[in-house]
Amino acid sequence: MTFLNTFLTVISLTAFGAQTEHISASEDDILEPTRHPVEFYSKAHSFMVNSEPFKNFTLIDSINFIDSLEDWEPPKELAQRFPYYLSGFDDEDRPVWVTPIGEYNVRRVLEEGPEAAANLEKYAFQACLQVLESMESRKALGIEVEEIFLIADWEGLDISQVAHLPTVIFSLRLFQTYSQIITLALGQVVAINVSFAAELALNIARPVLGSLFQKTDIFGTDKARWSAALRRMLPEDVIPNIYGGRKDYTPVKIYG
């Protein structure tokens, strides 16, 4: 365990090294125009300070961190291996996001070394910013949105990942570190294609994300059952056609 703890510490420091250099600042220091409206940064900041790495951040710190993260270009291969997409908006104007989480090979990334793992963590937080931007985009229509709807597709998850201790520890650390952000942002989750391996992974994460499971509907591999559930929950035009939506379905934006 000593090696694993050291390994994960290196990942944390590499991925978010800027967080260790706290800058004393206040809202009064916002003198120049910002990339996003200040309201966007304020909302992001309100989520971030609920997590351990950011608990002492001022608004200025969050602005600097967000801007630097948006300027970061993830390795092309990493993005291709971890796609996700904005599918549309539900009847409550919540952004509907889809993640083919079962295809994500975290173990392979960890086996490539600490730098690759650090890049994955940065990429994951960058995805959080995309999610937040989708929530803020509704403000132009005069709509305040505080949460999202997530479809998590577990098809393809291999038991070798769930049985790989460094992968489990890395994933749990991420969940634990950002559990408050995740819980606040996720309004409803639908997990589909939950196989034995996926169920095992969810059970491992349950102690860390316990409250999130109250917002989660879990379905097995019976497509007829979960596609019918999706049609009850969502407008047909935001359901991917592979999940029972329209044949002419087009996502709003694809990442990765």
C-alpha atoms as a PDB file:
ATOM      1  CA  MET A   1       0.000   0.000   0.000  1.00  0.00           C
ATOM      2  CA  THR A   2       2.951   2.349   0.535  1.00  0.00           C
ATOM      3  CA  PHE A   3       3.770   2.266  -3.165  1.00  0.00           C
ATOM      4  CA  LEU A   4       0.129   2.858  -4.099  1.00  0.00           C
ATOM      5  CA  ASN A   5      -0.222   5.804  -1.751  1.00  0.00           C
ATOM      6  CA  THR A   6       2.968   7.341  -3.119  1.00  0.00           C
ATOM      7  CA  PHE A   7       1.794   6.714  -6.676  1.00  0.00           C
ATOM      8  CA  LEU A   8      -1.549   8.418  -6.081  1.00  0.00           C
ATOM      9  CA  THR A   9       0.067  11.359  -4.297  1.00  0.00           C
ATOM     10  CA  VAL A  10       2.309  11.967  -7.303  1.00  0.00           C
ATOM     11  CA  ILE A  11      -0.756  11.886  -9.547  1.00  0.00           C
ATOM     12  CA  SER A  12      -2.566  14.463  -7.416  1.00  0.00           C
ATOM     13  CA  LEU A  13       0.364  16.850  -7.285  1.00  0.00           C
ATOM     14  CA  THR A  14       1.029  16.537 -11.001  1.00  0.00           C
ATOM     15  CA  ALA A  15      -2.576  16.983 -12.054  1.00  0.00           C
ATOM     16  CA  PHE A  16      -3.409  19.932  -9.824  1.00  0.00           C
ATOM     17  CA  GLY A  17      -0.059  21.322  -8.782  1.00  0.00           C
ATOM     18  CA  ALA A  18      -1.365  24.857  -9.036  1.00  0.00           C
ATOM     19  CA  GLN A  19      -3.677  24.149  -6.131  1.00  0.00           C
ATOM     20  CA  THR A  20      -0.768  23.878  -3.712  1.00  0.00           C
ATOM     21  CA  GLU A  21       0.222  27.491  -4.420  1.00  0.00           C
ATOM     22  CA  HIS A  22      -2.724  29.340  -2.909  1.00  0.00           C
ATOM     23  CA  ILE A  23      -3.106  32.925  -4.058  1.00  0.00           C
ATOM     24  CA  SER A  24      -4.659  35.390  -1.648  1.00  0.00           C
ATOM     25  CA  ALA A  25      -7.290  37.292  -3.610  1.00  0.00           C
ATOM     26  CA  SER A  26     -10.822  38.620  -3.451  1.00  0.00           C
ATOM     27  CA  GLU A  27     -13.627  39.597  -5.814  1.00  0.00           C
ATOM     28  CA  ASP A  28     -12.424  43.206  -5.636  1.00  0.00           C
ATOM     29  CA  ASP A  29      -9.335  42.111  -7.563  1.00  0.00           C
ATOM     30  CA  ILE A  30     -11.371  41.293 -10.686  1.00  0.00           C
ATOM     31  CA  LEU A  31     -10.307  44.358 -12.644  1.00  0.00           C
ATOM     32  CA  GLU A  32      -9.999  42.968 -16.157  1.00  0.00           C
ATOM     33  CA  PRO A  33     -12.691  41.361 -18.351  1.00  0.00           C
ATOM     34  CA  THR A  34     -12.912  37.621 -17.758  1.00  0.00           C
ATOM     35  CA  ARG A  35     -13.269  34.863 -20.326  1.00  0.00           C
ATOM     36  CA  HIS A  36     -16.681  33.906 -18.984  1.00  0.00           C
ATOM     37  CA  PRO A  37     -19.265  35.989 -17.135  1.00  0.00           C
ATOM     38  CA  VAL A  38     -18.340  36.336 -13.477  1.00  0.00           C
ATOM     39  CA  GLU A  39     -21.562  34.461 -12.659  1.00  0.00           C
ATOM     40  CA  PHE A  40     -20.143  31.370 -14.370  1.00  0.00           C
ATOM     41  CA  TYR A  41     -17.006  31.457 -12.259  1.00  0.00           C
ATOM     42  CA  SER A  42     -19.063  32.114  -9.135  1.00  0.00           C
ATOM     43  CA  LYS A  43     -21.160  29.016  -9.736  1.00  0.00           C
ATOM     44  CA  ALA A  44     -18.076  26.918 -10.468  1.00  0.00           C
ATOM     45  CA  HIS A  45     -16.440  28.309  -7.336  1.00  0.00           C
ATOM     46  CA  SER A  46     -19.487  27.421  -5.228  1.00  0.00           C
ATOM     47  CA  PHE A  47     -19.145  23.798  -6.371  1.00  0.00           C
ATOM     48  CA  MET A  48     -15.361  23.657  -6.084  1.00  0.00           C
ATOM     49  CA  VAL A  49     -15.036  24.872  -2.492  1.00  0.00           C
ATOM     50  CA  ASN A  50     -17.070  21.862  -1.384  1.00  0.00           C
ATOM     51  CA  SER A  51     -14.146  19.607  -2.340  1.00  0.00           C
ATOM     52  CA  GLU A  52     -10.949  19.203  -0.345  1.00  0.00           C
ATOM     53  CA  PRO A  53      -8.450  20.377  -3.026  1.00  0.00           C
ATOM     54  CA  PHE A  54     -10.289  23.675  -3.474  1.00  0.00           C
ATOM     55  CA  LYS A  55     -11.702  24.394  -0.013  1.00  0.00           C
ATOM     56  CA  ASN A  56      -9.399  27.396   0.567  1.00  0.00           C
ATOM     57  CA  PHE A  57      -9.756  28.864  -2.917  1.00  0.00           C
ATOM     58  CA  THR A  58     -10.964  32.426  -3.364  1.00  0.00           C
ATOM     59  CA  LEU A  59     -13.008  33.371  -6.403  1.00  0.00           C
ATOM     60  CA  ILE A  60      -9.873  34.729  -8.082  1.00  0.00           C
ATOM     61  CA  ASP A  61      -8.081  31.451  -7.463  1.00  0.00           C
ATOM     62  CA  SER A  62     -10.954  29.578  -9.084  1.00  0.00           C
ATOM     63  CA  ILE A  63     -10.959  31.923 -12.084  1.00  0.00           C
ATOM     64  CA  ASN A  64      -7.235  31.424 -12.642  1.00  0.00           C
ATOM     65  CA  PHE A  65      -7.517  27.671 -12.217  1.00  0.00           C
ATOM     66  CA  ILE A  66     -10.504  27.344 -14.570  1.00  0.00           C
ATOM     67  CA  ASP A  67      -8.878  29.473 -17.263  1.00  0.00           C
ATOM     68  CA  SER A  68      -5.631  27.506 -17.094  1.00  0.00           C
ATOM     69  CA  LEU A  69      -7.525  24.220 -17.288  1.00  0.00           C
ATOM     70  CA  GLU A  70      -9.513  25.383 -20.309  1.00  0.00           C
ATOM     71  CA  ASP A  71      -6.263  26.363 -22.026  1.00  0.00           C
ATOM     72  CA  TRP A  72      -4.908  22.861 -21.454  1.00  0.00           C
ATOM     73  CA  GLU A  73      -5.195  20.604 -24.491  1.00  0.00           C
ATOM     74  CA  PRO A  74      -5.645  16.934 -23.517  1.00  0.00           C
ATOM     75  CA  PRO A  75      -3.662  14.368 -25.487  1.00  0.00           C
ATOM     76  CA  LYS A  76      -5.715  13.432 -28.540  1.00  0.00           C
ATOM     77  CA  GLU A  77      -5.572   9.710 -27.812  1.00  0.00           C
ATOM     78  CA  LEU A  78      -6.791  10.267 -24.254  1.00  0.00           C
ATOM     79  CA  ALA A  79      -9.814  12.250 -25.427  1.00  0.00           C
ATOM     80  CA  GLN A  80     -10.642   9.616 -28.038  1.00  0.00           C
ATOM     81  CA  ARG A  81     -10.532   6.882 -25.407  1.00  0.00           C
ATOM     82  CA  PHE A  82     -12.793   8.783 -22.992  1.00  0.00           C
ATOM     83  CA  PRO A  83     -15.612  10.336 -25.030  1.00  0.00           C
ATOM     84  CA  TYR A  84     -18.767  11.901 -23.605  1.00  0.00           C
ATOM     85  CA  TYR A  85     -21.453  14.085 -25.079  1.00  0.00           C
ATOM     86  CA  LEU A  86     -24.204  16.587 -24.442  1.00  0.00           C
ATOM     87  CA  SER A  87     -27.375  14.969 -25.743  1.00  0.00           C
ATOM     88  CA  GLY A  88     -29.830  17.830 -25.277  1.00  0.00           C
ATOM     89  CA  PHE A  89     -32.115  19.166 -22.542  1.00  0.00           C
ATOM     90  CA  ASP A  90     -34.979  17.499 -20.711  1.00  0.00           C
ATOM     91  CA  ASP A  91     -38.430  18.883 -19.873  1.00  0.00           C
ATOM     92  CA  GLU A  92     -36.968  20.615 -16.812  1.00  0.00           C
ATOM     93  CA  ASP A  93     -34.291  22.249 -19.016  1.00  0.00           C
ATOM     94  CA  ARG A  94     -31.602  20.164 -17.373  1.00  0.00           C
ATOM     95  CA  PRO A  95     -28.673  19.286 -19.654  1.00  0.00           C
ATOM     96  CA  VAL A  96     -28.725  15.596 -20.561  1.00  0.00           C
ATOM     97  CA  TRP A  97     -25.229  14.130 -20.679  1.00  0.00           C
ATOM     98  CA  VAL A  98     -24.206  10.674 -21.854  1.00  0.00           C
ATOM     99  CA  THR A  99     -21.066   8.833 -20.802  1.00  0.00           C
ATOM    100  CA  PRO A 100     -20.145   5.388 -22.179  1.00  0.00           C
ATOM    101  CA  ILE A 101     -18.358   4.687 -18.923  1.00  0.00           C
ATOM    102  CA  GLY A 102     -18.080   0.963 -19.576  1.00  0.00           C
ATOM    103  CA  GLU A 103     -15.703   1.686 -22.461  1.00  0.00           C
ATOM    104  CA  TYR A 104     -13.310   3.709 -20.301  1.00  0.00           C
ATOM    105  CA  ASN A 105     -10.115   1.754 -19.700  1.00  0.00           C
ATOM    106  CA  VAL A 106      -8.724   3.457 -16.611  1.00  0.00           C
ATOM    107  CA  ARG A 107      -6.380   0.569 -15.905  1.00  0.00           C
ATOM    108  CA  ARG A 108      -4.589   1.064 -19.218  1.00  0.00           C
ATOM    109  CA  VAL A 109      -4.018   4.729 -18.405  1.00  0.00           C
ATOM    110  CA  LEU A 110      -2.597   3.959 -14.968  1.00  0.00           C
ATOM    111  CA  GLU A 111      -0.271   1.376 -16.443  1.00  0.00           C
ATOM    112  CA  GLU A 112       1.111   4.101 -18.718  1.00  0.00           C
ATOM    113  CA  GLY A 113       2.418   5.937 -15.661  1.00  0.00           C
ATOM    114  CA  PRO A 114       1.732   8.887 -13.325  1.00  0.00           C
ATOM    115  CA  GLU A 115       1.778  11.527 -16.083  1.00  0.00           C
ATOM    116  CA  ALA A 116      -0.931   9.717 -18.044  1.00  0.00           C
ATOM    117  CA  ALA A 117      -2.985   9.309 -14.869  1.00  0.00           C
ATOM    118  CA  ALA A 118      -2.567  13.002 -14.072  1.00  0.00           C
ATOM    119  CA  ASN A 119      -3.775  13.893 -17.551  1.00  0.00           C
ATOM    120  CA  LEU A 120      -6.840  11.724 -17.043  1.00  0.00           C
ATOM    121  CA  GLU A 121      -7.685  13.539 -13.819  1.00  0.00           C
ATOM    122  CA  LYS A 122      -7.312  16.924 -15.516  1.00  0.00           C
ATOM    123  CA  TYR A 123      -9.450  15.708 -18.402  1.00  0.00           C
ATOM    124  CA  ALA A 124     -12.135  14.594 -15.952  1.00  0.00           C
ATOM    125  CA  PHE A 125     -12.222  17.988 -14.275  1.00  0.00           C
ATOM    126  CA  GLN A 126     -12.277  19.677 -17.670  1.00  0.00           C
ATOM    127  CA  ALA A 127     -15.390  17.615 -18.386  1.00  0.00           C
ATOM    128  CA  CYS A 128     -16.925  19.005 -15.190  1.00  0.00           C
ATOM    129  CA  LEU A 129     -16.439  22.502 -16.602  1.00  0.00           C
ATOM    130  CA  GLN A 130     -18.201  21.496 -19.824  1.00  0.00           C
ATOM    131  CA  VAL A 131     -21.095  20.234 -17.730  1.00  0.00           C
ATOM    132  CA  LEU A 132     -21.235  23.504 -15.813  1.00  0.00           C
ATOM    133  CA  GLU A 133     -21.176  25.512 -19.037  1.00  0.00           C
ATOM    134  CA  SER A 134     -24.159  23.520 -20.297  1.00  0.00           C
ATOM    135  CA  MET A 135     -26.052  24.494 -17.147  1.00  0.00           C
ATOM    136  CA  GLU A 136     -25.106  28.147 -17.493  1.00  0.00           C
ATOM    137  CA  SER A 137     -26.097  28.212 -21.182  1.00  0.00           C
ATOM    138  CA  ARG A 138     -29.763  28.189 -20.176  1.00  0.00           C
ATOM    139  CA  LYS A 139     -29.355  31.575 -18.510  1.00  0.00           C
ATOM    140  CA  ALA A 140     -29.528  33.224 -21.931  1.00  0.00           C
ATOM    141  CA  LEU A 141     -33.124  31.974 -22.039  1.00  0.00           C
ATOM    142  CA  GLY A 142     -33.807  33.283 -18.557  1.00  0.00           C
ATOM    143  CA  ILE A 143     -33.729  29.787 -17.060  1.00  0.00           C
ATOM    144  CA  GLU A 144     -31.796  28.916 -13.908  1.00  0.00           C
ATOM    145  CA  VAL A 145     -30.531  25.324 -13.938  1.00  0.00           C
ATOM    146  CA  GLU A 146     -28.820  23.778 -10.927  1.00  0.00           C
ATOM    147  CA  GLU A 147     -28.354  20.145 -11.965  1.00  0.00           C
ATOM    148  CA  ILE A 148     -28.047  17.726 -14.869  1.00  0.00           C
ATOM    149  CA  PHE A 149     -29.473  14.407 -16.051  1.00  0.00           C
ATOM    150  CA  LEU A 150     -26.845  11.726 -16.717  1.00  0.00           C
ATOM    151  CA  ILE A 151     -27.066   8.507 -18.720  1.00  0.00           C
ATOM    152  CA  ALA A 152     -24.198   6.221 -17.710  1.00  0.00           C
ATOM    153  CA  ASP A 153     -23.768   3.300 -20.094  1.00  0.00           C
ATOM    154  CA  TRP A 154     -21.777   0.497 -18.468  1.00  0.00           C
ATOM    155  CA  GLU A 155     -21.656  -1.791 -21.499  1.00  0.00           C
ATOM    156  CA  GLY A 156     -18.192  -3.186 -22.091  1.00  0.00           C
ATOM    157  CA  LEU A 157     -16.784  -2.914 -18.579  1.00  0.00           C
ATOM    158  CA  ASP A 158     -14.240  -5.676 -18.067  1.00  0.00           C
ATOM    159  CA  ILE A 159     -13.920  -7.433 -14.730  1.00  0.00           C
ATOM    160  CA  SER A 160     -10.134  -7.077 -15.000  1.00  0.00           C
ATOM    161  CA  GLN A 161     -10.510  -3.358 -14.268  1.00  0.00           C
ATOM    162  CA  VAL A 162     -12.670  -3.912 -11.199  1.00  0.00           C
ATOM    163  CA  ALA A 163     -10.167  -6.487  -9.914  1.00  0.00           C
ATOM    164  CA  HIS A 164      -7.163  -4.195 -10.488  1.00  0.00           C
ATOM    165  CA  LEU A 165      -6.317  -2.610  -7.114  1.00  0.00           C
ATOM    166  CA  PRO A 166      -4.567   0.556  -8.419  1.00  0.00           C
ATOM    167  CA  THR A 167      -7.553   1.225 -10.700  1.00  0.00           C
ATOM    168  CA  VAL A 168     -10.000   0.801  -7.832  1.00  0.00           C
ATOM    169  CA  ILE A 169      -7.971   3.060  -5.520  1.00  0.00           C
ATOM    170  CA  PHE A 170      -7.496   5.739  -8.185  1.00  0.00           C
ATOM    171  CA  SER A 171     -11.198   5.755  -9.040  1.00  0.00           C
ATOM    172  CA  LEU A 172     -12.306   5.825  -5.406  1.00  0.00           C
ATOM    173  CA  ARG A 173      -9.915   8.672  -4.657  1.00  0.00           C
ATOM    174  CA  LEU A 174     -11.384  10.691  -7.517  1.00  0.00           C
ATOM    175  CA  PHE A 175     -14.922   9.962  -6.372  1.00  0.00           C
ATOM    176  CA  GLN A 176     -14.087  10.798  -2.771  1.00  0.00           C
ATOM    177  CA  THR A 177     -12.221  13.991  -3.639  1.00  0.00           C
ATOM    178  CA  TYR A 178     -15.001  15.333  -5.815  1.00  0.00           C
ATOM    179  CA  SER A 179     -17.989  13.631  -4.208  1.00  0.00           C
ATOM    180  CA  GLN A 180     -19.536  16.926  -3.113  1.00  0.00           C
ATOM    181  CA  ILE A 181     -19.244  18.421  -6.606  1.00  0.00           C
ATOM    182  CA  ILE A 182     -20.656  15.259  -8.170  1.00  0.00           C
ATOM    183  CA  THR A 183     -23.557  15.024  -5.735  1.00  0.00           C
ATOM    184  CA  LEU A 184     -24.490  18.701  -6.128  1.00  0.00           C
ATOM    185  CA  ALA A 185     -24.391  18.684  -9.936  1.00  0.00           C
ATOM    186  CA  LEU A 186     -26.154  15.389 -10.618  1.00  0.00           C
ATOM    187  CA  GLY A 187     -29.917  15.690 -10.355  1.00  0.00           C
ATOM    188  CA  GLN A 188     -30.776  12.299 -11.814  1.00  0.00           C
ATOM    189  CA  VAL A 189     -28.698   9.373 -13.048  1.00  0.00           C
ATOM    190  CA  VAL A 190     -29.761   6.417 -15.154  1.00  0.00           C
ATOM    191  CA  ALA A 191     -27.241   3.572 -15.219  1.00  0.00           C
ATOM    192  CA  ILE A 192     -27.842   1.128 -18.066  1.00  0.00           C
ATOM    193  CA  ASN A 193     -26.248  -2.144 -19.170  1.00  0.00           C
ATOM    194  CA  VAL A 194     -25.164  -2.827 -15.607  1.00  0.00           C
ATOM    195  CA  SER A 195     -23.496  -6.231 -15.788  1.00  0.00           C
ATOM    196  CA  PHE A 196     -21.991  -8.241 -12.945  1.00  0.00           C
ATOM    197  CA  ALA A 197     -18.713  -6.322 -13.309  1.00  0.00           C
ATOM    198  CA  ALA A 198     -20.526  -2.982 -13.330  1.00  0.00           C
ATOM    199  CA  GLU A 199     -22.636  -3.917 -10.320  1.00  0.00           C
ATOM    200  CA  LEU A 200     -19.469  -4.856  -8.464  1.00  0.00           C
ATOM    201  CA  ALA A 201     -17.910  -1.491  -9.360  1.00  0.00           C
ATOM    202  CA  LEU A 202     -21.006   0.380  -8.173  1.00  0.00           C
ATOM    203  CA  ASN A 203     -21.043  -1.523  -4.891  1.00  0.00           C
ATOM    204  CA  ILE A 204     -17.388  -0.656  -4.315  1.00  0.00           C
ATOM    205  CA  ALA A 205     -18.174   3.038  -4.893  1.00  0.00           C
ATOM    206  CA  ARG A 206     -21.338   3.024  -2.781  1.00  0.00           C
ATOM    207  CA  PRO A 207     -19.652   3.968   0.548  1.00  0.00           C
ATOM    208  CA  VAL A 208     -18.119   7.026  -1.136  1.00  0.00           C
ATOM    209  CA  LEU A 209     -21.118   8.101  -3.218  1.00  0.00           C
ATOM    210  CA  GLY A 210     -23.872   6.752  -0.996  1.00  0.00           C
ATOM    211  CA  SER A 211     -26.215   9.752  -1.286  1.00  0.00           C
ATOM    212  CA  LEU A 212     -25.868   9.770  -5.069  1.00  0.00           C
ATOM    213  CA  PHE A 213     -27.479   6.338  -5.269  1.00  0.00           C
ATOM    214  CA  GLN A 214     -30.710   7.914  -4.026  1.00  0.00           C
ATOM    215  CA  LYS A 215     -30.797   9.785  -7.349  1.00  0.00           C
ATOM    216  CA  THR A 216     -29.823   6.778  -9.463  1.00  0.00           C
ATOM    217  CA  ASP A 217     -31.976   4.299 -11.373  1.00  0.00           C
ATOM    218  CA  ILE A 218     -29.996   1.146 -12.127  1.00  0.00           C
ATOM    219  CA  PHE A 219     -30.912  -1.134 -15.024  1.00  0.00           C
ATOM    220  CA  GLY A 220     -29.342  -4.367 -16.187  1.00  0.00           C
ATOM    221  CA  THR A 221     -28.687  -5.413 -19.753  1.00  0.00           C
ATOM    222  CA  ASP A 222     -32.347  -5.727 -20.804  1.00  0.00           C
ATOM    223  CA  LYS A 223     -32.537  -2.979 -23.437  1.00  0.00           C
ATOM    224  CA  ALA A 224     -36.323  -3.178 -23.749  1.00  0.00           C
ATOM    225  CA  ARG A 225     -36.663  -2.331 -20.065  1.00  0.00           C
ATOM    226  CA  TRP A 226     -34.227   0.546 -19.790  1.00  0.00           C
ATOM    227  CA  SER A 227     -35.056   2.093 -23.175  1.00  0.00           C
ATOM    228  CA  ALA A 228     -38.724   2.198 -22.145  1.00  0.00           C
ATOM    229  CA  ALA A 229     -37.680   3.881 -18.889  1.00  0.00           C
ATOM    230  CA  LEU A 230     -35.638   6.471 -20.771  1.00  0.00           C
ATOM    231  CA  ARG A 231     -38.617   7.287 -22.979  1.00  0.00           C
ATOM    232  CA  ARG A 232     -40.709   7.894 -19.862  1.00  0.00           C
ATOM    233  CA  MET A 233     -38.083  10.187 -18.371  1.00  0.00           C
ATOM    234  CA  LEU A 234     -36.841  12.138 -21.373  1.00  0.00           C
ATOM    235  CA  PRO A 235     -38.094  13.811 -24.554  1.00  0.00           C
ATOM    236  CA  GLU A 236     -37.582  11.427 -27.454  1.00  0.00           C
ATOM    237  CA  ASP A 237     -35.380  13.850 -29.364  1.00  0.00           C
ATOM    238  CA  VAL A 238     -32.677  13.843 -26.664  1.00  0.00           C
ATOM    239  CA  ILE A 239     -32.449  10.050 -26.376  1.00  0.00           C
ATOM    240  CA  PRO A 240     -29.627   8.640 -28.538  1.00  0.00           C
ATOM    241  CA  ASN A 241     -31.004   6.403 -31.288  1.00  0.00           C
ATOM    242  CA  ILE A 242     -28.904   3.493 -30.011  1.00  0.00           C
ATOM    243  CA  TYR A 243     -30.885   3.794 -26.769  1.00  0.00           C
ATOM    244  CA  GLY A 244     -34.297   3.847 -28.435  1.00  0.00           C
ATOM    245  CA  GLY A 245     -34.504   7.469 -29.561  1.00  0.00           C
ATOM    246  CA  ARG A 246     -35.238   8.887 -32.985  1.00  0.00           C
ATOM    247  CA  LYS A 247     -33.329   7.709 -36.029  1.00  0.00           C
ATOM    248  CA  ASP A 248     -32.474  11.316 -36.900  1.00  0.00           C
ATOM    249  CA  TYR A 249     -31.056  11.979 -33.437  1.00  0.00           C
ATOM    250  CA  THR A 250     -28.041  14.278 -33.287  1.00  0.00           C
ATOM    251  CA  PRO A 251     -26.203  15.190 -30.061  1.00  0.00           C
ATOM    252  CA  VAL A 252     -25.667  18.847 -29.254  1.00  0.00           C
ATOM    253  CA  LYS A 253     -21.921  18.387 -28.850  1.00  0.00           C
ATOM    254  CA  ILE A 254     -19.472  15.496 -28.689  1.00  0.00           C
ATOM    255  CA  TYR A 255     -16.260  15.591 -26.677  1.00  0.00           C
ATOM    256  CA  GLY A 256     -13.469  13.142 -27.335  1.00  0.00           C
END
